[in-house]
Amino acid sequence: MSSKVPSLTLNNGIEMPQLGFGVWQIPDDEVVGAVATALDAGYRSIDTASAYANEKGTGRAIASSGLPRDELFVTTKLRNSEQGHDSTLRAFDASLERLGLDYVDLYLIHWPSPSRGLYAETYKAFEKILADGRARSIGVSNFLPEHLDVLAAESSVVPAVNQIELHPQFQQAQARAVHASRGIVTEAWSPLGQGKGLLEVPTVGAIAHKHGRTPAQVVLRWHLQLGNVVIPKSSTPSRIKENIEVFGFELDDDDLAAFAALDEDRRLGGHPAEVR
């Protein structure tokens, strides 16, 4: 199946699908089937990480898909414990080997891990990887504005993406504004929250009922209309397919206002200033 997903243009001119498939918490032996289902459903962007321990399975699914490499957008991330210039270069080599690829489309620093004091040095290695053509784009994940300030002072390459926790109960308006002012695309992880909490909020259910869609579909539609890149994760084939069926309708101003009212500044994952 061909993809129906629109793309956003990153600050280096590279096109990135606005909706991709995340593989966090999917074991390596299960990720092959999940990624195969996603690619068959029309996803063309796959988001993994060294820390997920499923790069090998992700690579196997990509290899067996038969899809041309240039039709895919593959993201992986550097493990926190491998930050530092030379260790980053070694870690990237290992990720490429596990994925079975010659290059990735986007390489991210997974967390700033500020207590290590290495993310600026690490980003220098990212610049080399970019210059060598082994990553088409480089960026960061879970960086706060102050971390981006450090990179701006020490690097001439603006991150293409900052992947952060973002969902209707944690909308990150300030971070999104900072990213937009710097030409950085905001990518949302845990876009549907975690567990069933967000999807059982009455407001979300009412908007879903209004449009004849599922709660997950209207939440993903909200992300897309905000301009976020979004990477929902599921290992359930029916949900994988459901999550990409979000392009045949639009939320109206009333829906968007109702979503805006759901923001509780509720962070579900770790705080970027504290994660080591």
C-alpha atoms as a PDB file:
ATOM      1  CA  MET A   1       0.000   0.000   0.000  1.00  0.00           C
ATOM      2  CA  SER A   2       1.327   3.446  -0.828  1.00  0.00           C
ATOM      3  CA  SER A   3       1.470   6.061   1.890  1.00  0.00           C
ATOM      4  CA  LYS A   4      -1.197   8.717   2.325  1.00  0.00           C
ATOM      5  CA  VAL A   5       0.800  10.623   4.947  1.00  0.00           C
ATOM      6  CA  PRO A   6       1.805  14.229   4.183  1.00  0.00           C
ATOM      7  CA  SER A   7       5.355  15.405   4.855  1.00  0.00           C
ATOM      8  CA  LEU A   8       6.886  18.396   6.588  1.00  0.00           C
ATOM      9  CA  THR A   9      10.055  20.019   5.272  1.00  0.00           C
ATOM     10  CA  LEU A  10      12.848  20.104   7.839  1.00  0.00           C
ATOM     11  CA  ASN A  11      15.210  23.068   8.132  1.00  0.00           C
ATOM     12  CA  ASN A  12      17.749  21.367   5.839  1.00  0.00           C
ATOM     13  CA  GLY A  13      15.204  20.724   3.079  1.00  0.00           C
ATOM     14  CA  ILE A  14      14.667  17.036   3.897  1.00  0.00           C
ATOM     15  CA  GLU A  15      11.058  15.817   3.793  1.00  0.00           C
ATOM     16  CA  MET A  16       9.807  13.951   6.884  1.00  0.00           C
ATOM     17  CA  PRO A  17       6.444  12.163   7.043  1.00  0.00           C
ATOM     18  CA  GLN A  18       4.222  13.930   9.560  1.00  0.00           C
ATOM     19  CA  LEU A  19       2.945  10.662  10.998  1.00  0.00           C
ATOM     20  CA  GLY A  20       5.240   7.759  11.735  1.00  0.00           C
ATOM     21  CA  PHE A  21       5.351   4.513  13.673  1.00  0.00           C
ATOM     22  CA  GLY A  22       7.048   4.312  17.063  1.00  0.00           C
ATOM     23  CA  VAL A  23       8.452   1.045  18.414  1.00  0.00           C
ATOM     24  CA  TRP A  24       9.145   1.932  22.065  1.00  0.00           C
ATOM     25  CA  GLN A  25       8.593  -1.049  24.400  1.00  0.00           C
ATOM     26  CA  ILE A  26       8.060  -3.529  21.550  1.00  0.00           C
ATOM     27  CA  PRO A  27      10.463  -6.467  22.103  1.00  0.00           C
ATOM     28  CA  ASP A  28      12.911  -7.224  19.320  1.00  0.00           C
ATOM     29  CA  ASP A  29      11.247 -10.533  18.433  1.00  0.00           C
ATOM     30  CA  GLU A  30       7.839  -8.843  18.131  1.00  0.00           C
ATOM     31  CA  VAL A  31       8.927  -5.653  16.379  1.00  0.00           C
ATOM     32  CA  VAL A  32       9.465  -7.396  13.031  1.00  0.00           C
ATOM     33  CA  GLY A  33       5.764  -8.167  12.711  1.00  0.00           C
ATOM     34  CA  ALA A  34       4.665  -4.796  14.069  1.00  0.00           C
ATOM     35  CA  VAL A  35       6.849  -2.809  11.649  1.00  0.00           C
ATOM     36  CA  ALA A  36       5.788  -5.062   8.761  1.00  0.00           C
ATOM     37  CA  THR A  37       2.138  -4.354   9.600  1.00  0.00           C
ATOM     38  CA  ALA A  38       2.849  -0.629   9.795  1.00  0.00           C
ATOM     39  CA  LEU A  39       4.652  -0.523   6.452  1.00  0.00           C
ATOM     40  CA  ASP A  40       1.839  -2.503   4.840  1.00  0.00           C
ATOM     41  CA  ALA A  41      -0.687  -0.015   6.275  1.00  0.00           C
ATOM     42  CA  GLY A  42       1.128   2.902   4.660  1.00  0.00           C
ATOM     43  CA  TYR A  43       3.537   4.182   7.309  1.00  0.00           C
ATOM     44  CA  ARG A  44       6.879   5.168   5.833  1.00  0.00           C
ATOM     45  CA  SER A  45       8.551   6.655   8.925  1.00  0.00           C
ATOM     46  CA  ILE A  46       9.847   4.314  11.639  1.00  0.00           C
ATOM     47  CA  ASP A  47      11.186   5.605  14.970  1.00  0.00           C
ATOM     48  CA  THR A  48      13.465   3.409  17.070  1.00  0.00           C
ATOM     49  CA  ALA A  49      16.388   3.936  19.461  1.00  0.00           C
ATOM     50  CA  SER A  50      19.423   2.111  20.749  1.00  0.00           C
ATOM     51  CA  ALA A  51      17.839   2.089  24.206  1.00  0.00           C
ATOM     52  CA  TYR A  52      14.753   0.273  22.882  1.00  0.00           C
ATOM     53  CA  ALA A  53      16.892  -2.811  22.107  1.00  0.00           C
ATOM     54  CA  ASN A  54      14.886  -3.481  18.933  1.00  0.00           C
ATOM     55  CA  GLU A  55      17.004  -1.976  16.164  1.00  0.00           C
ATOM     56  CA  LYS A  56      17.848  -5.444  14.815  1.00  0.00           C
ATOM     57  CA  GLY A  57      14.228  -6.466  14.467  1.00  0.00           C
ATOM     58  CA  THR A  58      13.307  -3.097  13.013  1.00  0.00           C
ATOM     59  CA  GLY A  59      16.064  -3.518  10.427  1.00  0.00           C
ATOM     60  CA  ARG A  60      14.889  -7.004   9.546  1.00  0.00           C
ATOM     61  CA  ALA A  61      11.361  -5.734   8.925  1.00  0.00           C
ATOM     62  CA  ILE A  62      12.674  -2.937   6.713  1.00  0.00           C
ATOM     63  CA  ALA A  63      14.852  -5.339   4.737  1.00  0.00           C
ATOM     64  CA  SER A  64      12.034  -7.814   4.163  1.00  0.00           C
ATOM     65  CA  SER A  65       9.484  -5.154   3.202  1.00  0.00           C
ATOM     66  CA  GLY A  66      10.775  -4.861  -0.357  1.00  0.00           C
ATOM     67  CA  LEU A  67      10.251  -1.095  -0.204  1.00  0.00           C
ATOM     68  CA  PRO A  68      12.909   1.125  -1.802  1.00  0.00           C
ATOM     69  CA  ARG A  69      15.165   2.639   0.864  1.00  0.00           C
ATOM     70  CA  ASP A  70      14.519   6.149  -0.430  1.00  0.00           C
ATOM     71  CA  GLU A  71      10.789   5.746   0.309  1.00  0.00           C
ATOM     72  CA  LEU A  72      11.480   5.195   4.005  1.00  0.00           C
ATOM     73  CA  PHE A  73      12.379   7.601   6.803  1.00  0.00           C
ATOM     74  CA  VAL A  74      14.253   5.848   9.597  1.00  0.00           C
ATOM     75  CA  THR A  75      15.035   7.496  12.932  1.00  0.00           C
ATOM     76  CA  THR A  76      17.191   6.139  15.724  1.00  0.00           C
ATOM     77  CA  LYS A  77      18.634   7.673  18.870  1.00  0.00           C
ATOM     78  CA  LEU A  78      21.857   7.684  20.864  1.00  0.00           C
ATOM     79  CA  ARG A  79      21.760   5.967  24.251  1.00  0.00           C
ATOM     80  CA  ASN A  80      22.541   8.308  27.172  1.00  0.00           C
ATOM     81  CA  SER A  81      25.458   6.210  28.415  1.00  0.00           C
ATOM     82  CA  GLU A  82      27.165   6.524  25.021  1.00  0.00           C
ATOM     83  CA  GLN A  83      27.333  10.319  24.943  1.00  0.00           C
ATOM     84  CA  GLY A  84      30.734  11.879  24.246  1.00  0.00           C
ATOM     85  CA  HIS A  85      32.413  12.527  20.890  1.00  0.00           C
ATOM     86  CA  ASP A  86      34.221   9.263  20.141  1.00  0.00           C
ATOM     87  CA  SER A  87      31.726   7.031  21.937  1.00  0.00           C
ATOM     88  CA  THR A  88      28.939   8.611  19.892  1.00  0.00           C
ATOM     89  CA  LEU A  89      30.697   7.731  16.641  1.00  0.00           C
ATOM     90  CA  ARG A  90      31.128   4.137  17.809  1.00  0.00           C
ATOM     91  CA  ALA A  91      27.511   3.941  18.965  1.00  0.00           C
ATOM     92  CA  PHE A  92      26.252   5.250  15.640  1.00  0.00           C
ATOM     93  CA  ASP A  93      28.278   2.614  13.770  1.00  0.00           C
ATOM     94  CA  ALA A  94      26.712  -0.056  15.986  1.00  0.00           C
ATOM     95  CA  SER A  95      23.183   1.270  15.394  1.00  0.00           C
ATOM     96  CA  LEU A  96      23.688   1.241  11.627  1.00  0.00           C
ATOM     97  CA  GLU A  97      24.991  -2.325  11.818  1.00  0.00           C
ATOM     98  CA  ARG A  98      22.019  -3.484  13.890  1.00  0.00           C
ATOM     99  CA  LEU A  99      19.610  -1.764  11.493  1.00  0.00           C
ATOM    100  CA  GLY A 100      21.421  -3.158   8.459  1.00  0.00           C
ATOM    101  CA  LEU A 101      21.437   0.281   6.836  1.00  0.00           C
ATOM    102  CA  ASP A 102      24.039   2.508   5.193  1.00  0.00           C
ATOM    103  CA  TYR A 103      22.461   5.665   6.634  1.00  0.00           C
ATOM    104  CA  VAL A 104      19.571   6.878   8.753  1.00  0.00           C
ATOM    105  CA  ASP A 105      17.286   9.750   7.897  1.00  0.00           C
ATOM    106  CA  LEU A 106      17.339  11.248  11.384  1.00  0.00           C
ATOM    107  CA  TYR A 107      19.697  10.681  14.325  1.00  0.00           C
ATOM    108  CA  LEU A 108      18.712  12.095  17.711  1.00  0.00           C
ATOM    109  CA  ILE A 109      20.404  12.610  21.077  1.00  0.00           C
ATOM    110  CA  HIS A 110      17.865  10.688  23.172  1.00  0.00           C
ATOM    111  CA  TRP A 111      18.082  12.864  26.323  1.00  0.00           C
ATOM    112  CA  PRO A 112      20.289  15.848  27.174  1.00  0.00           C
ATOM    113  CA  SER A 113      21.367  14.065  30.377  1.00  0.00           C
ATOM    114  CA  PRO A 114      22.750  17.391  31.670  1.00  0.00           C
ATOM    115  CA  SER A 115      24.389  15.798  34.710  1.00  0.00           C
ATOM    116  CA  ARG A 116      26.868  14.171  32.310  1.00  0.00           C
ATOM    117  CA  GLY A 117      27.752  17.520  30.739  1.00  0.00           C
ATOM    118  CA  LEU A 118      28.378  15.872  27.370  1.00  0.00           C
ATOM    119  CA  TYR A 119      25.529  16.786  25.044  1.00  0.00           C
ATOM    120  CA  ALA A 120      27.323  19.693  23.340  1.00  0.00           C
ATOM    121  CA  GLU A 121      30.385  17.513  22.702  1.00  0.00           C
ATOM    122  CA  THR A 122      28.076  14.740  21.533  1.00  0.00           C
ATOM    123  CA  TYR A 123      26.407  17.075  19.073  1.00  0.00           C
ATOM    124  CA  LYS A 124      29.809  17.810  17.517  1.00  0.00           C
ATOM    125  CA  ALA A 125      29.993  14.103  16.645  1.00  0.00           C
ATOM    126  CA  PHE A 126      26.481  14.357  15.224  1.00  0.00           C
ATOM    127  CA  GLU A 127      27.685  17.163  12.967  1.00  0.00           C
ATOM    128  CA  LYS A 128      30.438  14.885  11.651  1.00  0.00           C
ATOM    129  CA  ILE A 129      27.926  12.092  11.007  1.00  0.00           C
ATOM    130  CA  LEU A 130      25.768  14.581   9.099  1.00  0.00           C
ATOM    131  CA  ALA A 131      28.709  15.943   7.111  1.00  0.00           C
ATOM    132  CA  ASP A 132      29.729  12.405   6.170  1.00  0.00           C
ATOM    133  CA  GLY A 133      26.244  11.730   4.772  1.00  0.00           C
ATOM    134  CA  ARG A 134      25.555   8.880   7.169  1.00  0.00           C
ATOM    135  CA  ALA A 135      22.568  10.696   8.660  1.00  0.00           C
ATOM    136  CA  ARG A 136      20.459  12.897   6.416  1.00  0.00           C
ATOM    137  CA  SER A 137      19.321  14.982   9.395  1.00  0.00           C
ATOM    138  CA  ILE A 138      20.332  15.347  13.027  1.00  0.00           C
ATOM    139  CA  GLY A 139      18.351  16.509  16.001  1.00  0.00           C
ATOM    140  CA  VAL A 140      17.588  16.046  19.654  1.00  0.00           C
ATOM    141  CA  SER A 141      14.980  14.556  21.951  1.00  0.00           C
ATOM    142  CA  ASN A 142      13.730  15.807  25.313  1.00  0.00           C
ATOM    143  CA  PHE A 143      15.808  19.008  25.121  1.00  0.00           C
ATOM    144  CA  LEU A 144      14.564  22.003  27.081  1.00  0.00           C
ATOM    145  CA  PRO A 145      15.022  25.528  25.660  1.00  0.00           C
ATOM    146  CA  GLU A 146      18.121  26.040  27.825  1.00  0.00           C
ATOM    147  CA  HIS A 147      19.721  22.952  26.316  1.00  0.00           C
ATOM    148  CA  LEU A 148      18.944  24.245  22.838  1.00  0.00           C
ATOM    149  CA  ASP A 149      20.593  27.545  23.844  1.00  0.00           C
ATOM    150  CA  VAL A 150      23.835  25.693  24.589  1.00  0.00           C
ATOM    151  CA  LEU A 151      23.797  23.986  21.193  1.00  0.00           C
ATOM    152  CA  ALA A 152      23.068  27.292  19.463  1.00  0.00           C
ATOM    153  CA  ALA A 153      26.113  28.845  21.131  1.00  0.00           C
ATOM    154  CA  GLU A 154      28.432  26.000  20.178  1.00  0.00           C
ATOM    155  CA  SER A 155      27.124  24.727  16.846  1.00  0.00           C
ATOM    156  CA  SER A 156      26.195  26.123  13.467  1.00  0.00           C
ATOM    157  CA  VAL A 157      23.796  23.242  12.719  1.00  0.00           C
ATOM    158  CA  VAL A 158      20.309  23.867  14.084  1.00  0.00           C
ATOM    159  CA  PRO A 159      18.660  20.605  15.162  1.00  0.00           C
ATOM    160  CA  ALA A 160      16.084  19.565  12.589  1.00  0.00           C
ATOM    161  CA  VAL A 161      13.772  18.039  15.198  1.00  0.00           C
ATOM    162  CA  ASN A 162      13.202  18.031  18.941  1.00  0.00           C
ATOM    163  CA  GLN A 163      11.196  14.960  19.950  1.00  0.00           C
ATOM    164  CA  ILE A 164       9.432  15.656  23.248  1.00  0.00           C
ATOM    165  CA  GLU A 165       6.594  14.323  25.362  1.00  0.00           C
ATOM    166  CA  LEU A 166       3.485  16.040  24.048  1.00  0.00           C
ATOM    167  CA  HIS A 167      -0.216  15.193  24.284  1.00  0.00           C
ATOM    168  CA  PRO A 168      -3.432  17.099  25.041  1.00  0.00           C
ATOM    169  CA  GLN A 169      -2.816  16.964  28.798  1.00  0.00           C
ATOM    170  CA  PHE A 170       0.783  18.218  28.329  1.00  0.00           C
ATOM    171  CA  GLN A 171       0.679  20.548  25.337  1.00  0.00           C
ATOM    172  CA  GLN A 172       4.105  22.208  25.675  1.00  0.00           C
ATOM    173  CA  ALA A 173       3.046  25.508  24.098  1.00  0.00           C
ATOM    174  CA  GLN A 174       6.225  27.313  25.194  1.00  0.00           C
ATOM    175  CA  ALA A 175       8.495  24.615  23.819  1.00  0.00           C
ATOM    176  CA  ARG A 176       6.590  24.527  20.524  1.00  0.00           C
ATOM    177  CA  ALA A 177       6.919  28.309  20.212  1.00  0.00           C
ATOM    178  CA  VAL A 178      10.677  28.137  20.874  1.00  0.00           C
ATOM    179  CA  HIS A 179      11.061  25.399  18.285  1.00  0.00           C
ATOM    180  CA  ALA A 180       9.059  27.328  15.704  1.00  0.00           C
ATOM    181  CA  SER A 181      11.171  30.460  16.269  1.00  0.00           C
ATOM    182  CA  ARG A 182      14.340  28.447  15.607  1.00  0.00           C
ATOM    183  CA  GLY A 183      13.100  26.405  12.653  1.00  0.00           C
ATOM    184  CA  ILE A 184      12.991  23.169  14.660  1.00  0.00           C
ATOM    185  CA  VAL A 185      10.159  20.708  14.009  1.00  0.00           C
ATOM    186  CA  THR A 186       8.342  19.484  17.125  1.00  0.00           C
ATOM    187  CA  GLU A 187       7.859  15.723  17.231  1.00  0.00           C
ATOM    188  CA  ALA A 188       5.530  14.257  19.858  1.00  0.00           C
ATOM    189  CA  TRP A 189       6.242  11.094  21.797  1.00  0.00           C
ATOM    190  CA  SER A 190       3.475   9.496  23.884  1.00  0.00           C
ATOM    191  CA  PRO A 191       1.077  11.453  21.635  1.00  0.00           C
ATOM    192  CA  LEU A 192      -1.895   9.519  23.020  1.00  0.00           C
ATOM    193  CA  GLY A 193      -0.771   9.773  26.634  1.00  0.00           C
ATOM    194  CA  GLN A 194      -0.125   6.447  28.356  1.00  0.00           C
ATOM    195  CA  GLY A 195      -2.661   3.815  29.231  1.00  0.00           C
ATOM    196  CA  LYS A 196      -6.300   4.634  28.561  1.00  0.00           C
ATOM    197  CA  GLY A 197      -6.493   7.800  30.668  1.00  0.00           C
ATOM    198  CA  LEU A 198      -6.528  10.468  27.963  1.00  0.00           C
ATOM    199  CA  LEU A 199      -8.613   8.394  25.570  1.00  0.00           C
ATOM    200  CA  GLU A 200     -11.347   8.058  28.208  1.00  0.00           C
ATOM    201  CA  VAL A 201     -11.637  11.801  28.861  1.00  0.00           C
ATOM    202  CA  PRO A 202     -15.267  12.778  28.061  1.00  0.00           C
ATOM    203  CA  THR A 203     -14.227  15.738  25.907  1.00  0.00           C
ATOM    204  CA  VAL A 204     -12.134  13.468  23.694  1.00  0.00           C
ATOM    205  CA  GLY A 205     -14.961  10.957  23.473  1.00  0.00           C
ATOM    206  CA  ALA A 206     -17.446  13.658  22.481  1.00  0.00           C
ATOM    207  CA  ILE A 207     -15.190  14.962  19.705  1.00  0.00           C
ATOM    208  CA  ALA A 208     -14.647  11.402  18.477  1.00  0.00           C
ATOM    209  CA  HIS A 209     -18.404  10.753  18.439  1.00  0.00           C
ATOM    210  CA  LYS A 210     -19.014  14.011  16.555  1.00  0.00           C
ATOM    211  CA  HIS A 211     -16.673  12.955  13.749  1.00  0.00           C
ATOM    212  CA  GLY A 212     -17.504   9.238  13.769  1.00  0.00           C
ATOM    213  CA  ARG A 213     -13.907   8.449  14.732  1.00  0.00           C
ATOM    214  CA  THR A 214     -12.115   6.804  17.638  1.00  0.00           C
ATOM    215  CA  PRO A 215     -10.649   8.832  20.509  1.00  0.00           C
ATOM    216  CA  ALA A 216      -7.133   7.952  19.340  1.00  0.00           C
ATOM    217  CA  GLN A 217      -7.881   9.182  15.820  1.00  0.00           C
ATOM    218  CA  VAL A 218      -9.114  12.609  16.946  1.00  0.00           C
ATOM    219  CA  VAL A 219      -6.110  13.044  19.272  1.00  0.00           C
ATOM    220  CA  LEU A 220      -3.736  12.238  16.412  1.00  0.00           C
ATOM    221  CA  ARG A 221      -5.672  14.623  14.177  1.00  0.00           C
ATOM    222  CA  TRP A 222      -5.200  17.349  16.821  1.00  0.00           C
ATOM    223  CA  HIS A 223      -1.434  16.819  16.701  1.00  0.00           C
ATOM    224  CA  LEU A 224      -1.358  17.017  12.911  1.00  0.00           C
ATOM    225  CA  GLN A 225      -3.368  20.232  12.834  1.00  0.00           C
ATOM    226  CA  LEU A 226      -1.001  21.779  15.401  1.00  0.00           C
ATOM    227  CA  GLY A 227       1.848  21.016  12.997  1.00  0.00           C
ATOM    228  CA  ASN A 228       3.508  18.339  15.129  1.00  0.00           C
ATOM    229  CA  VAL A 229       5.174  15.248  13.777  1.00  0.00           C
ATOM    230  CA  VAL A 230       3.566  12.361  15.632  1.00  0.00           C
ATOM    231  CA  ILE A 231       4.711   8.749  16.193  1.00  0.00           C
ATOM    232  CA  PRO A 232       1.976   6.621  17.771  1.00  0.00           C
ATOM    233  CA  LYS A 233       3.127   3.218  18.973  1.00  0.00           C
ATOM    234  CA  SER A 234       1.114   0.012  19.040  1.00  0.00           C
ATOM    235  CA  SER A 235       1.787  -3.683  18.630  1.00  0.00           C
ATOM    236  CA  THR A 236      -1.877  -4.431  17.881  1.00  0.00           C
ATOM    237  CA  PRO A 237      -2.482  -4.720  14.103  1.00  0.00           C
ATOM    238  CA  SER A 238      -5.967  -3.175  14.240  1.00  0.00           C
ATOM    239  CA  ARG A 239      -4.698  -0.145  16.184  1.00  0.00           C
ATOM    240  CA  ILE A 240      -1.670   0.245  13.922  1.00  0.00           C
ATOM    241  CA  LYS A 241      -4.072   0.526  10.986  1.00  0.00           C
ATOM    242  CA  GLU A 242      -6.543   2.732  12.884  1.00  0.00           C
ATOM    243  CA  ASN A 243      -3.834   5.248  13.812  1.00  0.00           C
ATOM    244  CA  ILE A 244      -3.002   6.079  10.197  1.00  0.00           C
ATOM    245  CA  GLU A 245      -6.642   6.615   9.190  1.00  0.00           C
ATOM    246  CA  VAL A 246      -6.615  10.250  10.250  1.00  0.00           C
ATOM    247  CA  PHE A 247      -6.551  12.107   6.947  1.00  0.00           C
ATOM    248  CA  GLY A 248     -10.193  12.040   5.858  1.00  0.00           C
ATOM    249  CA  PHE A 249     -11.545  14.606   8.318  1.00  0.00           C
ATOM    250  CA  GLU A 250     -10.624  17.839  10.104  1.00  0.00           C
ATOM    251  CA  LEU A 251     -11.229  19.204  13.572  1.00  0.00           C
ATOM    252  CA  ASP A 252     -13.037  22.547  13.628  1.00  0.00           C
ATOM    253  CA  ASP A 253     -12.337  25.578  15.809  1.00  0.00           C
ATOM    254  CA  ASP A 254     -14.681  24.345  18.549  1.00  0.00           C
ATOM    255  CA  ASP A 255     -12.855  21.010  18.677  1.00  0.00           C
ATOM    256  CA  LEU A 256      -9.467  22.724  18.862  1.00  0.00           C
ATOM    257  CA  ALA A 257     -10.686  25.004  21.662  1.00  0.00           C
ATOM    258  CA  ALA A 258     -11.979  21.972  23.570  1.00  0.00           C
ATOM    259  CA  PHE A 259      -8.618  20.263  23.194  1.00  0.00           C
ATOM    260  CA  ALA A 260      -6.798  23.418  24.333  1.00  0.00           C
ATOM    261  CA  ALA A 261      -8.807  23.328  27.563  1.00  0.00           C
ATOM    262  CA  LEU A 262      -7.490  19.842  28.389  1.00  0.00           C
ATOM    263  CA  ASP A 263      -3.943  21.022  29.111  1.00  0.00           C
ATOM    264  CA  GLU A 264      -2.993  20.158  32.696  1.00  0.00           C
ATOM    265  CA  ASP A 265       0.785  20.473  32.323  1.00  0.00           C
ATOM    266  CA  ARG A 266       0.793  16.747  33.199  1.00  0.00           C
ATOM    267  CA  ARG A 267       4.134  15.179  32.412  1.00  0.00           C
ATOM    268  CA  LEU A 268       4.004  11.367  32.287  1.00  0.00           C
ATOM    269  CA  GLY A 269       7.640  10.597  31.534  1.00  0.00           C
ATOM    270  CA  GLY A 270      10.925  11.697  33.050  1.00  0.00           C
ATOM    271  CA  HIS A 271      11.944  15.346  33.405  1.00  0.00           C
ATOM    272  CA  PRO A 272      14.699  16.286  30.924  1.00  0.00           C
ATOM    273  CA  ALA A 273      16.659  18.161  33.580  1.00  0.00           C
ATOM    274  CA  GLU A 274      16.788  15.055  35.762  1.00  0.00           C
ATOM    275  CA  VAL A 275      17.023  11.988  33.507  1.00  0.00           C
ATOM    276  CA  ARG A 276      20.536  10.615  33.635  1.00  0.00           C
END
